[in-house]
Amino acid sequence: MRSMVLNNNWILYPPIYYRVLFYLFCAHFMVSYGEAESLFELLSLPYYYPALMGSFIITVIIAEYILAITKYLDRMFPQFYGLGKRIVYQILWGIFSTILVAITMAALYFWMRRTDIISAGYFRYDFTVVSGFIIFLNTLYLAIGLVQYRNLQLKTRTPNKEKPKAFADANENIVAIYPVERGFVAILKSGESVIWSKTIEQTLKELPEEEYFLINRSDIIHKSIIAGYQPGDSRRLKLILKEPLTSRKVFMVSQRKVVSFKRWYKEDLANNG
């Protein structure tokens, strides 16, 4: 049984039953924060349960809102391409916008209890705890994605003891070649990663140019693996790929290669059409 929720093909987040338990704990903490009573004393107080329920509902909405934003940013920045920009968006949308949502819901909650957010002392006590919770959750989800991305990269690497596969043996099965650390790795149609010992120049001399394209200084792609493309940053193109490359890495066509790539890709579509 999976212990995480699949997102964006490869990022896994905690499932709902773990999240609910965590939300319940946080809701209790927010209610009991600053109170003199112990847990057992609070359980005997009638006002504790309505307060816990209200805090729990707000916590669920806030936390699920953060998770929804994080998943959206995962799609917006696949495999954390442009990490610095991703972090800025996470701060703006995941933290600041969520704080505004939390303040709005808290104001509504106190209004329903016939008081106002200022008189209730929300900004003296609860606001600090809620803000800390929001920052923590954003940091946690971002760290989960980064750790899993790192693990995914490690899985694509081939052990050093594996001998490079000969070009003649793998030619028809290669769908991509790209650099990894100090060398190159080739991805086969089966999804297998193999060490690639030849340079880009040597490889291009042997690959049929109607089937393979050097999309930037180091990445080579086979036409059969391309499902389409979309605009990227800095006038580049981001390739939309089929399996087994959908979750390997982000393949970008460099700015100076865009025109020739589009011509090559359109000719391929015309020939297959």
C-alpha atoms as a PDB file:
ATOM      1  CA  MET A   1       0.000   0.000   0.000  1.00  0.00           C
ATOM      2  CA  ARG A   2       1.267   3.455  -0.842  1.00  0.00           C
ATOM      3  CA  SER A   3       2.059   5.690   2.071  1.00  0.00           C
ATOM      4  CA  MET A   4       2.147   8.844  -0.065  1.00  0.00           C
ATOM      5  CA  VAL A   5      -0.064  10.558  -2.629  1.00  0.00           C
ATOM      6  CA  LEU A   6       1.218  10.632  -6.222  1.00  0.00           C
ATOM      7  CA  ASN A   7       1.496  14.091  -7.782  1.00  0.00           C
ATOM      8  CA  ASN A   8       2.910  15.325 -11.082  1.00  0.00           C
ATOM      9  CA  ASN A   9       3.909  11.743 -12.007  1.00  0.00           C
ATOM     10  CA  TRP A  10       6.706  11.479  -9.467  1.00  0.00           C
ATOM     11  CA  ILE A  11       6.238  13.730  -6.405  1.00  0.00           C
ATOM     12  CA  LEU A  12       4.589  11.959  -3.462  1.00  0.00           C
ATOM     13  CA  TYR A  13       2.902  13.853  -0.637  1.00  0.00           C
ATOM     14  CA  PRO A  14       1.509  12.468   2.668  1.00  0.00           C
ATOM     15  CA  PRO A  15      -1.942  10.859   2.201  1.00  0.00           C
ATOM     16  CA  ILE A  16      -5.114  12.385   3.610  1.00  0.00           C
ATOM     17  CA  TYR A  17      -5.319  10.207   6.729  1.00  0.00           C
ATOM     18  CA  TYR A  18      -1.861  11.310   7.872  1.00  0.00           C
ATOM     19  CA  ARG A  19      -2.667  14.911   7.039  1.00  0.00           C
ATOM     20  CA  VAL A  20      -5.932  14.859   9.005  1.00  0.00           C
ATOM     21  CA  LEU A  21      -4.190  13.561  12.128  1.00  0.00           C
ATOM     22  CA  PHE A  22      -1.560  16.257  11.773  1.00  0.00           C
ATOM     23  CA  TYR A  23      -4.242  18.931  11.264  1.00  0.00           C
ATOM     24  CA  LEU A  24      -6.061  17.751  14.375  1.00  0.00           C
ATOM     25  CA  PHE A  25      -2.883  18.030  16.440  1.00  0.00           C
ATOM     26  CA  CYS A  26      -2.224  21.537  15.072  1.00  0.00           C
ATOM     27  CA  ALA A  27      -5.819  22.600  15.764  1.00  0.00           C
ATOM     28  CA  HIS A  28      -5.499  21.445  19.384  1.00  0.00           C
ATOM     29  CA  PHE A  29      -2.193  23.263  19.737  1.00  0.00           C
ATOM     30  CA  MET A  30      -3.706  26.496  18.450  1.00  0.00           C
ATOM     31  CA  VAL A  31      -6.617  26.213  20.870  1.00  0.00           C
ATOM     32  CA  SER A  32      -4.490  25.285  23.878  1.00  0.00           C
ATOM     33  CA  TYR A  33      -1.631  27.689  23.129  1.00  0.00           C
ATOM     34  CA  GLY A  34      -1.328  30.158  25.994  1.00  0.00           C
ATOM     35  CA  GLU A  35      -3.940  28.356  28.122  1.00  0.00           C
ATOM     36  CA  ALA A  36      -3.106  27.322  31.692  1.00  0.00           C
ATOM     37  CA  GLU A  37      -5.178  24.113  31.613  1.00  0.00           C
ATOM     38  CA  SER A  38      -3.649  20.739  30.827  1.00  0.00           C
ATOM     39  CA  LEU A  39      -4.961  18.498  28.059  1.00  0.00           C
ATOM     40  CA  PHE A  40      -7.199  16.514  30.434  1.00  0.00           C
ATOM     41  CA  GLU A  41      -8.554  19.723  31.956  1.00  0.00           C
ATOM     42  CA  LEU A  42      -9.333  21.111  28.524  1.00  0.00           C
ATOM     43  CA  LEU A  43     -11.175  17.917  27.605  1.00  0.00           C
ATOM     44  CA  SER A  44     -13.540  18.525  30.509  1.00  0.00           C
ATOM     45  CA  LEU A  45     -14.373  22.087  29.454  1.00  0.00           C
ATOM     46  CA  PRO A  46     -17.504  22.533  27.273  1.00  0.00           C
ATOM     47  CA  TYR A  47     -16.080  25.429  25.229  1.00  0.00           C
ATOM     48  CA  TYR A  48     -13.028  23.383  24.158  1.00  0.00           C
ATOM     49  CA  TYR A  49     -14.831  21.258  21.567  1.00  0.00           C
ATOM     50  CA  PRO A  50     -16.492  24.076  19.557  1.00  0.00           C
ATOM     51  CA  ALA A  51     -13.170  25.936  19.609  1.00  0.00           C
ATOM     52  CA  LEU A  52     -11.323  22.791  18.484  1.00  0.00           C
ATOM     53  CA  MET A  53     -13.816  22.200  15.677  1.00  0.00           C
ATOM     54  CA  GLY A  54     -13.514  25.760  14.419  1.00  0.00           C
ATOM     55  CA  SER A  55      -9.723  25.637  14.615  1.00  0.00           C
ATOM     56  CA  PHE A  56      -9.680  22.253  12.865  1.00  0.00           C
ATOM     57  CA  ILE A  57     -11.808  23.490   9.953  1.00  0.00           C
ATOM     58  CA  ILE A  58      -9.592  26.543   9.486  1.00  0.00           C
ATOM     59  CA  THR A  59      -6.454  24.391   9.712  1.00  0.00           C
ATOM     60  CA  VAL A  60      -7.736  21.956   7.077  1.00  0.00           C
ATOM     61  CA  ILE A  61      -8.644  24.758   4.678  1.00  0.00           C
ATOM     62  CA  ILE A  62      -5.293  26.495   5.145  1.00  0.00           C
ATOM     63  CA  ALA A  63      -3.212  23.323   4.825  1.00  0.00           C
ATOM     64  CA  GLU A  64      -5.078  21.947   1.801  1.00  0.00           C
ATOM     65  CA  TYR A  65      -4.852  25.368   0.164  1.00  0.00           C
ATOM     66  CA  ILE A  66      -1.071  25.270   0.621  1.00  0.00           C
ATOM     67  CA  LEU A  67      -0.915  21.746  -0.815  1.00  0.00           C
ATOM     68  CA  ALA A  68      -3.015  22.782  -3.833  1.00  0.00           C
ATOM     69  CA  ILE A  69      -0.702  25.733  -4.489  1.00  0.00           C
ATOM     70  CA  THR A  70       2.351  23.484  -4.129  1.00  0.00           C
ATOM     71  CA  LYS A  71       0.973  20.979  -6.634  1.00  0.00           C
ATOM     72  CA  TYR A  72       0.190  23.801  -9.042  1.00  0.00           C
ATOM     73  CA  LEU A  73       3.753  25.100  -8.714  1.00  0.00           C
ATOM     74  CA  ASP A  74       5.040  21.551  -9.278  1.00  0.00           C
ATOM     75  CA  ARG A  75       3.319  21.635 -12.671  1.00  0.00           C
ATOM     76  CA  MET A  76       4.457  25.195 -13.310  1.00  0.00           C
ATOM     77  CA  PHE A  77       8.099  24.354 -12.491  1.00  0.00           C
ATOM     78  CA  PRO A  78       8.499  20.663 -13.425  1.00  0.00           C
ATOM     79  CA  GLN A  79      11.418  18.981 -11.680  1.00  0.00           C
ATOM     80  CA  PHE A  80      12.206  22.332 -10.001  1.00  0.00           C
ATOM     81  CA  TYR A  81      13.482  23.945 -13.169  1.00  0.00           C
ATOM     82  CA  GLY A  82      14.210  27.538 -12.138  1.00  0.00           C
ATOM     83  CA  LEU A  83      14.423  26.758  -8.423  1.00  0.00           C
ATOM     84  CA  GLY A  84      15.027  30.369  -7.366  1.00  0.00           C
ATOM     85  CA  LYS A  85      11.889  31.555  -9.140  1.00  0.00           C
ATOM     86  CA  ARG A  86       9.963  28.604  -7.728  1.00  0.00           C
ATOM     87  CA  ILE A  87      10.932  29.584  -4.179  1.00  0.00           C
ATOM     88  CA  VAL A  88       9.791  33.176  -4.795  1.00  0.00           C
ATOM     89  CA  TYR A  89       6.405  31.927  -6.034  1.00  0.00           C
ATOM     90  CA  GLN A  90       6.154  29.570  -3.065  1.00  0.00           C
ATOM     91  CA  ILE A  91       6.722  32.508  -0.704  1.00  0.00           C
ATOM     92  CA  LEU A  92       4.251  34.801  -2.475  1.00  0.00           C
ATOM     93  CA  TRP A  93       1.472  32.293  -3.105  1.00  0.00           C
ATOM     94  CA  GLY A  94       2.128  29.623  -0.534  1.00  0.00           C
ATOM     95  CA  ILE A  95       2.919  31.903   2.425  1.00  0.00           C
ATOM     96  CA  PHE A  96       1.676  35.468   1.930  1.00  0.00           C
ATOM     97  CA  SER A  97      -1.586  34.625   0.159  1.00  0.00           C
ATOM     98  CA  THR A  98      -2.277  31.864   2.700  1.00  0.00           C
ATOM     99  CA  ILE A  99      -1.748  34.283   5.590  1.00  0.00           C
ATOM    100  CA  LEU A 100      -4.375  36.580   4.049  1.00  0.00           C
ATOM    101  CA  VAL A 101      -6.751  33.626   3.740  1.00  0.00           C
ATOM    102  CA  ALA A 102      -6.092  32.673   7.372  1.00  0.00           C
ATOM    103  CA  ILE A 103      -6.778  36.222   8.620  1.00  0.00           C
ATOM    104  CA  THR A 104     -10.010  36.369   6.597  1.00  0.00           C
ATOM    105  CA  MET A 105     -11.262  33.063   7.986  1.00  0.00           C
ATOM    106  CA  ALA A 106     -10.278  34.015  11.536  1.00  0.00           C
ATOM    107  CA  ALA A 107     -12.157  37.319  11.208  1.00  0.00           C
ATOM    108  CA  LEU A 108     -15.226  35.434   9.976  1.00  0.00           C
ATOM    109  CA  TYR A 109     -14.929  32.929  12.830  1.00  0.00           C
ATOM    110  CA  PHE A 110     -14.798  35.641  15.498  1.00  0.00           C
ATOM    111  CA  TRP A 111     -17.649  37.522  13.819  1.00  0.00           C
ATOM    112  CA  MET A 112     -19.798  34.382  14.062  1.00  0.00           C
ATOM    113  CA  ARG A 113     -18.970  34.340  17.775  1.00  0.00           C
ATOM    114  CA  ARG A 114     -20.116  37.983  18.015  1.00  0.00           C
ATOM    115  CA  THR A 115     -16.711  39.492  18.574  1.00  0.00           C
ATOM    116  CA  ASP A 116     -14.003  40.951  16.387  1.00  0.00           C
ATOM    117  CA  ILE A 117     -10.544  39.724  15.519  1.00  0.00           C
ATOM    118  CA  ILE A 118      -8.778  42.610  17.281  1.00  0.00           C
ATOM    119  CA  SER A 119     -10.671  42.327  20.559  1.00  0.00           C
ATOM    120  CA  ALA A 120     -10.139  38.572  20.577  1.00  0.00           C
ATOM    121  CA  GLY A 121      -6.370  39.146  20.629  1.00  0.00           C
ATOM    122  CA  TYR A 122      -5.766  37.189  17.433  1.00  0.00           C
ATOM    123  CA  PHE A 123      -2.737  39.241  16.415  1.00  0.00           C
ATOM    124  CA  ARG A 124      -1.206  38.987  19.902  1.00  0.00           C
ATOM    125  CA  TYR A 125      -1.294  35.191  20.143  1.00  0.00           C
ATOM    126  CA  ASP A 126      -2.810  33.126  17.344  1.00  0.00           C
ATOM    127  CA  PHE A 127      -1.350  35.034  14.396  1.00  0.00           C
ATOM    128  CA  THR A 128       2.231  34.101  15.298  1.00  0.00           C
ATOM    129  CA  VAL A 129       1.342  30.422  15.651  1.00  0.00           C
ATOM    130  CA  VAL A 130      -0.686  30.364  12.419  1.00  0.00           C
ATOM    131  CA  SER A 131       2.067  32.131  10.476  1.00  0.00           C
ATOM    132  CA  GLY A 132       4.628  29.671  11.805  1.00  0.00           C
ATOM    133  CA  PHE A 133       2.387  26.784  10.773  1.00  0.00           C
ATOM    134  CA  ILE A 134       2.018  28.199   7.256  1.00  0.00           C
ATOM    135  CA  ILE A 135       5.756  28.741   6.854  1.00  0.00           C
ATOM    136  CA  PHE A 136       6.505  25.260   8.218  1.00  0.00           C
ATOM    137  CA  LEU A 137       4.041  23.538   5.875  1.00  0.00           C
ATOM    138  CA  ASN A 138       5.337  25.358   2.797  1.00  0.00           C
ATOM    139  CA  THR A 139       8.897  24.481   3.745  1.00  0.00           C
ATOM    140  CA  LEU A 140       7.944  20.850   4.387  1.00  0.00           C
ATOM    141  CA  TYR A 141       6.187  20.367   1.043  1.00  0.00           C
ATOM    142  CA  LEU A 142       8.987  22.067  -0.850  1.00  0.00           C
ATOM    143  CA  ALA A 143      11.561  19.885   0.922  1.00  0.00           C
ATOM    144  CA  ILE A 144       9.555  16.737   0.113  1.00  0.00           C
ATOM    145  CA  GLY A 145       9.637  17.604  -3.569  1.00  0.00           C
ATOM    146  CA  LEU A 146      13.330  18.491  -3.572  1.00  0.00           C
ATOM    147  CA  VAL A 147      14.333  15.282  -1.764  1.00  0.00           C
ATOM    148  CA  GLN A 148      12.300  13.137  -4.141  1.00  0.00           C
ATOM    149  CA  TYR A 149      13.729  14.977  -7.141  1.00  0.00           C
ATOM    150  CA  ARG A 150      17.216  14.257  -5.820  1.00  0.00           C
ATOM    151  CA  ASN A 151      16.339  10.582  -5.385  1.00  0.00           C
ATOM    152  CA  LEU A 152      14.900  10.487  -8.904  1.00  0.00           C
ATOM    153  CA  GLN A 153      18.145  11.858 -10.294  1.00  0.00           C
ATOM    154  CA  LEU A 154      20.128   9.200  -8.440  1.00  0.00           C
ATOM    155  CA  LYS A 155      17.923   6.467  -9.892  1.00  0.00           C
ATOM    156  CA  THR A 156      18.716   7.575 -13.439  1.00  0.00           C
ATOM    157  CA  ARG A 157      22.445   7.210 -12.877  1.00  0.00           C
ATOM    158  CA  THR A 158      24.164   4.008 -13.871  1.00  0.00           C
ATOM    159  CA  PRO A 159      26.701   2.412 -11.498  1.00  0.00           C
ATOM    160  CA  ASN A 160      30.299   3.107 -12.483  1.00  0.00           C
ATOM    161  CA  LYS A 161      31.028  -0.605 -12.720  1.00  0.00           C
ATOM    162  CA  GLU A 162      28.580  -0.992 -15.615  1.00  0.00           C
ATOM    163  CA  LYS A 163      30.356  -1.046 -18.940  1.00  0.00           C
ATOM    164  CA  PRO A 164      29.240   1.471 -21.566  1.00  0.00           C
ATOM    165  CA  LYS A 165      26.851  -0.041 -24.058  1.00  0.00           C
ATOM    166  CA  ALA A 166      28.252  -0.020 -27.579  1.00  0.00           C
ATOM    167  CA  PHE A 167      26.639   2.483 -29.919  1.00  0.00           C
ATOM    168  CA  ALA A 168      25.894  -0.130 -32.565  1.00  0.00           C
ATOM    169  CA  ASP A 169      23.977  -2.237 -30.019  1.00  0.00           C
ATOM    170  CA  ALA A 170      21.829   0.600 -28.686  1.00  0.00           C
ATOM    171  CA  ASN A 171      21.329   2.846 -31.713  1.00  0.00           C
ATOM    172  CA  GLU A 172      17.730   1.959 -32.531  1.00  0.00           C
ATOM    173  CA  ASN A 173      16.640   2.036 -28.886  1.00  0.00           C
ATOM    174  CA  ILE A 174      18.070   5.419 -27.833  1.00  0.00           C
ATOM    175  CA  VAL A 175      15.515   8.121 -27.124  1.00  0.00           C
ATOM    176  CA  ALA A 176      17.725  10.696 -25.387  1.00  0.00           C
ATOM    177  CA  ILE A 177      21.316  11.489 -24.473  1.00  0.00           C
ATOM    178  CA  TYR A 178      22.235  14.079 -21.860  1.00  0.00           C
ATOM    179  CA  PRO A 179      25.092  14.882 -19.462  1.00  0.00           C
ATOM    180  CA  VAL A 180      25.241  13.510 -15.918  1.00  0.00           C
ATOM    181  CA  GLU A 181      28.043  14.833 -13.737  1.00  0.00           C
ATOM    182  CA  ARG A 182      31.249  14.354 -15.786  1.00  0.00           C
ATOM    183  CA  GLY A 183      29.878  12.031 -18.440  1.00  0.00           C
ATOM    184  CA  PHE A 184      26.793  11.266 -20.484  1.00  0.00           C
ATOM    185  CA  VAL A 185      23.884   8.920 -20.031  1.00  0.00           C
ATOM    186  CA  ALA A 186      21.666   7.457 -22.733  1.00  0.00           C
ATOM    187  CA  ILE A 187      18.033   6.559 -22.106  1.00  0.00           C
ATOM    188  CA  LEU A 188      16.617   3.609 -24.032  1.00  0.00           C
ATOM    189  CA  LYS A 189      13.002   3.016 -25.058  1.00  0.00           C
ATOM    190  CA  SER A 190      12.715   0.537 -22.217  1.00  0.00           C
ATOM    191  CA  GLY A 191      13.548   3.291 -19.721  1.00  0.00           C
ATOM    192  CA  GLU A 192      16.968   1.807 -18.956  1.00  0.00           C
ATOM    193  CA  SER A 193      19.847   4.220 -18.333  1.00  0.00           C
ATOM    194  CA  VAL A 194      23.256   3.321 -19.758  1.00  0.00           C
ATOM    195  CA  ILE A 195      26.618   5.045 -19.626  1.00  0.00           C
ATOM    196  CA  TRP A 196      27.416   6.860 -22.855  1.00  0.00           C
ATOM    197  CA  SER A 197      31.133   7.097 -23.547  1.00  0.00           C
ATOM    198  CA  LYS A 198      31.131   9.086 -26.773  1.00  0.00           C
ATOM    199  CA  THR A 199      31.227  12.859 -27.062  1.00  0.00           C
ATOM    200  CA  ILE A 200      28.368  14.865 -28.507  1.00  0.00           C
ATOM    201  CA  GLU A 201      30.360  15.486 -31.685  1.00  0.00           C
ATOM    202  CA  GLN A 202      31.128  11.787 -32.162  1.00  0.00           C
ATOM    203  CA  THR A 203      27.514  10.833 -31.495  1.00  0.00           C
ATOM    204  CA  LEU A 204      26.033  13.352 -33.930  1.00  0.00           C
ATOM    205  CA  LYS A 205      28.217  12.003 -36.746  1.00  0.00           C
ATOM    206  CA  GLU A 206      26.669   8.569 -36.334  1.00  0.00           C
ATOM    207  CA  LEU A 207      23.066   9.472 -35.531  1.00  0.00           C
ATOM    208  CA  PRO A 208      20.623  10.029 -38.415  1.00  0.00           C
ATOM    209  CA  GLU A 209      19.839  13.748 -38.358  1.00  0.00           C
ATOM    210  CA  GLU A 210      16.256  13.209 -39.525  1.00  0.00           C
ATOM    211  CA  GLU A 211      15.559  11.260 -36.318  1.00  0.00           C
ATOM    212  CA  TYR A 212      17.740  12.991 -33.689  1.00  0.00           C
ATOM    213  CA  PHE A 213      18.179  16.653 -32.826  1.00  0.00           C
ATOM    214  CA  LEU A 214      20.689  18.462 -30.629  1.00  0.00           C
ATOM    215  CA  ILE A 215      18.289  20.788 -28.783  1.00  0.00           C
ATOM    216  CA  ASN A 216      21.022  22.649 -26.887  1.00  0.00           C
ATOM    217  CA  ARG A 217      24.728  22.268 -26.234  1.00  0.00           C
ATOM    218  CA  SER A 218      24.442  18.871 -24.581  1.00  0.00           C
ATOM    219  CA  ASP A 219      20.989  17.237 -24.960  1.00  0.00           C
ATOM    220  CA  ILE A 220      20.008  15.017 -27.905  1.00  0.00           C
ATOM    221  CA  ILE A 221      16.402  13.913 -28.412  1.00  0.00           C
ATOM    222  CA  HIS A 222      14.815  11.322 -30.694  1.00  0.00           C
ATOM    223  CA  LYS A 223      11.739  12.487 -32.612  1.00  0.00           C
ATOM    224  CA  SER A 224       9.615   9.548 -31.434  1.00  0.00           C
ATOM    225  CA  ILE A 225       9.786  10.654 -27.797  1.00  0.00           C
ATOM    226  CA  ILE A 226       8.503  14.198 -28.442  1.00  0.00           C
ATOM    227  CA  ALA A 227       4.791  14.741 -27.833  1.00  0.00           C
ATOM    228  CA  GLY A 228       4.945  18.500 -28.423  1.00  0.00           C
ATOM    229  CA  TYR A 229       6.419  21.667 -27.000  1.00  0.00           C
ATOM    230  CA  GLN A 230       5.425  24.860 -25.228  1.00  0.00           C
ATOM    231  CA  PRO A 231       7.029  28.265 -24.650  1.00  0.00           C
ATOM    232  CA  GLY A 232       9.701  28.382 -21.958  1.00  0.00           C
ATOM    233  CA  ASP A 233      11.566  31.212 -20.347  1.00  0.00           C
ATOM    234  CA  SER A 234      14.189  33.333 -22.161  1.00  0.00           C
ATOM    235  CA  ARG A 235      12.581  32.550 -25.549  1.00  0.00           C
ATOM    236  CA  ARG A 236      13.329  28.867 -25.187  1.00  0.00           C
ATOM    237  CA  LEU A 237      11.015  25.911 -25.776  1.00  0.00           C
ATOM    238  CA  LYS A 238      10.139  23.291 -23.191  1.00  0.00           C
ATOM    239  CA  LEU A 239       9.596  19.861 -24.716  1.00  0.00           C
ATOM    240  CA  ILE A 240       6.602  17.745 -23.759  1.00  0.00           C
ATOM    241  CA  LEU A 241       7.846  14.173 -23.800  1.00  0.00           C
ATOM    242  CA  LYS A 242       6.387  10.689 -23.754  1.00  0.00           C
ATOM    243  CA  GLU A 243       7.402   7.800 -21.512  1.00  0.00           C
ATOM    244  CA  PRO A 244      10.017   6.963 -20.325  1.00  0.00           C
ATOM    245  CA  LEU A 245      11.183  10.586 -20.221  1.00  0.00           C
ATOM    246  CA  THR A 246       8.109  12.301 -18.756  1.00  0.00           C
ATOM    247  CA  SER A 247       9.658  12.478 -15.296  1.00  0.00           C
ATOM    248  CA  ARG A 248      13.395  12.232 -15.993  1.00  0.00           C
ATOM    249  CA  LYS A 249      14.402  15.846 -16.495  1.00  0.00           C
ATOM    250  CA  VAL A 250      13.290  19.039 -18.198  1.00  0.00           C
ATOM    251  CA  PHE A 251      14.453  19.213 -21.799  1.00  0.00           C
ATOM    252  CA  MET A 252      14.742  22.753 -23.115  1.00  0.00           C
ATOM    253  CA  VAL A 253      15.452  23.876 -26.681  1.00  0.00           C
ATOM    254  CA  SER A 254      17.958  26.724 -26.506  1.00  0.00           C
ATOM    255  CA  GLN A 255      17.024  30.099 -27.967  1.00  0.00           C
ATOM    256  CA  ARG A 256      19.380  29.826 -30.933  1.00  0.00           C
ATOM    257  CA  LYS A 257      18.059  26.335 -31.741  1.00  0.00           C
ATOM    258  CA  VAL A 258      14.354  27.208 -31.670  1.00  0.00           C
ATOM    259  CA  VAL A 259      13.924  28.089 -35.343  1.00  0.00           C
ATOM    260  CA  SER A 260      15.825  25.075 -36.671  1.00  0.00           C
ATOM    261  CA  PHE A 261      14.106  22.754 -34.179  1.00  0.00           C
ATOM    262  CA  LYS A 262      10.634  23.925 -35.223  1.00  0.00           C
ATOM    263  CA  ARG A 263      11.554  23.429 -38.877  1.00  0.00           C
ATOM    264  CA  TRP A 264      12.877  19.929 -38.126  1.00  0.00           C
ATOM    265  CA  TYR A 265       9.859  19.023 -35.998  1.00  0.00           C
ATOM    266  CA  LYS A 266       7.313  20.366 -38.498  1.00  0.00           C
ATOM    267  CA  GLU A 267       8.993  18.474 -41.328  1.00  0.00           C
ATOM    268  CA  ASP A 268       8.706  15.340 -39.234  1.00  0.00           C
ATOM    269  CA  LEU A 269       5.007  15.987 -38.648  1.00  0.00           C
ATOM    270  CA  ALA A 270       4.475  16.619 -42.345  1.00  0.00           C
ATOM    271  CA  ASN A 271       6.272  13.408 -43.301  1.00  0.00           C
ATOM    272  CA  ASN A 272       4.256  11.387 -40.780  1.00  0.00           C
ATOM    273  CA  GLY A 273       1.011  13.136 -41.631  1.00  0.00           C
END
